[in-house]
Amino acid sequence: MRILLADAFPDTSRAELAERGHECVYEPDTTADQLPESLGGCEVLVVRSTKVTSAAIEAADALRVVVRAGSGTNTIDCDAAAERGIYVCNVPGRNAVAVAELAFALLLALDRNIPDSVADLRAGRWDKKRYARASGVLGRKVGVVGLGQIGMEFAERAAAFGAGVYAVAKPDRDAQTLDRARAIGIQFVDGLDTLARTCDVLSFHVPATEATRGLVGKELLANVAAGTIVLNTSRGELVDEDALIEAMEAKGVRAGLDVFADEPGASTGYLDSRLAKHPNVYGTHHIGASTEQAQRAVADEVVRIVDEFVAGTVLHCVNLEPELAAARSGGSS
């Protein structure tokens, strides 16, 4: 098959695909606007950050599968793909540890004011009095919103540092999740408002859906105490940015953010964001999954998805019923 790799992808994994007889077109700097012109003759598209719009889907003359080399698929027009019988597959869980590590790093950075301290040192300013002020993580109440694989990894790290970990109780959680939550020591509360009132750290690990859009908004932030830390390493759509800025200015809320609204569609670009520039924010460049360990694990799963598709099975399909996807794949190469 002809495979377009429209984002960075490890050399070894490209070699594996080539060894299997696939033609790999490697264009890691492709933008969303350029993508429609690059898809000619391609049966498989692999993306990470590059947005896949309906225009790209419509321009594709041979596309059968879009693989998101990560868990979220909100940057892909899944409905447009489904209408064309194109499967959208993701790679869930393989980067969970990396994202959890970054979320926890942001918590530590906020607590100890590390970026500001580094900046002052580089400028020759010594201010031990300012940077000696920190609460510490031990004994803090950390609320985890979303107990998927990333949320659980973050919860384990918070518990290991001696924080009390809280989450919202839900009746439909499976036994495996509940067993792991008990092992971590997670305490459950009745609702998100209660979680916000209980905890002085809130970390969000949920997908971007209509139900979660603007979740970190005025209603939720009205319940947090002054100085609360908000962490978001999932999707920018979760945050009502104006509401968060208002809470930062009124209550001294601080935020560690790896994701923002209206991020550039490619790996480099310009982000004009009031939120990112706010002094109460420590931000990173949507790099939660960007460790060598995580990217190798994700790439291995991408190769497996391609292998299984050739064999007649569609793995991790998010836009069509699995049975329909398996029936339509046909097992052709």
Foldseek 3Di string as FASTA:
>chain_A
DEEEEQADADPVLVVVCVVVVYHYHYRRFDACVRQLVVQEPHQEYEYELHAADLSSVVSHDRHAEYEHLEDADPSYPLVSCVVVNHFYFYDPDLLLLLLLVLLVVLVVCLQQVVVVVVVCVVVVHDDCVVRVHGDALAAFEEEEEDQDSNSLSNLLVSVVRHYAYEYADDPPDDPVSVVSCVVSNYHHDHDLLVSQLRGLEYEYDDEDDPVQFQLQAQVNLVSHAAQREYEYLHEQRNHPQVRVVVSCVPRVYAYEYAYHPPQGSGQDDDDDDPNPPDPRYDYHPSCSSPDPSSSVSSSVVVSVQVVVLLQQAHPRTDNDPRVVSSVPSVNHD
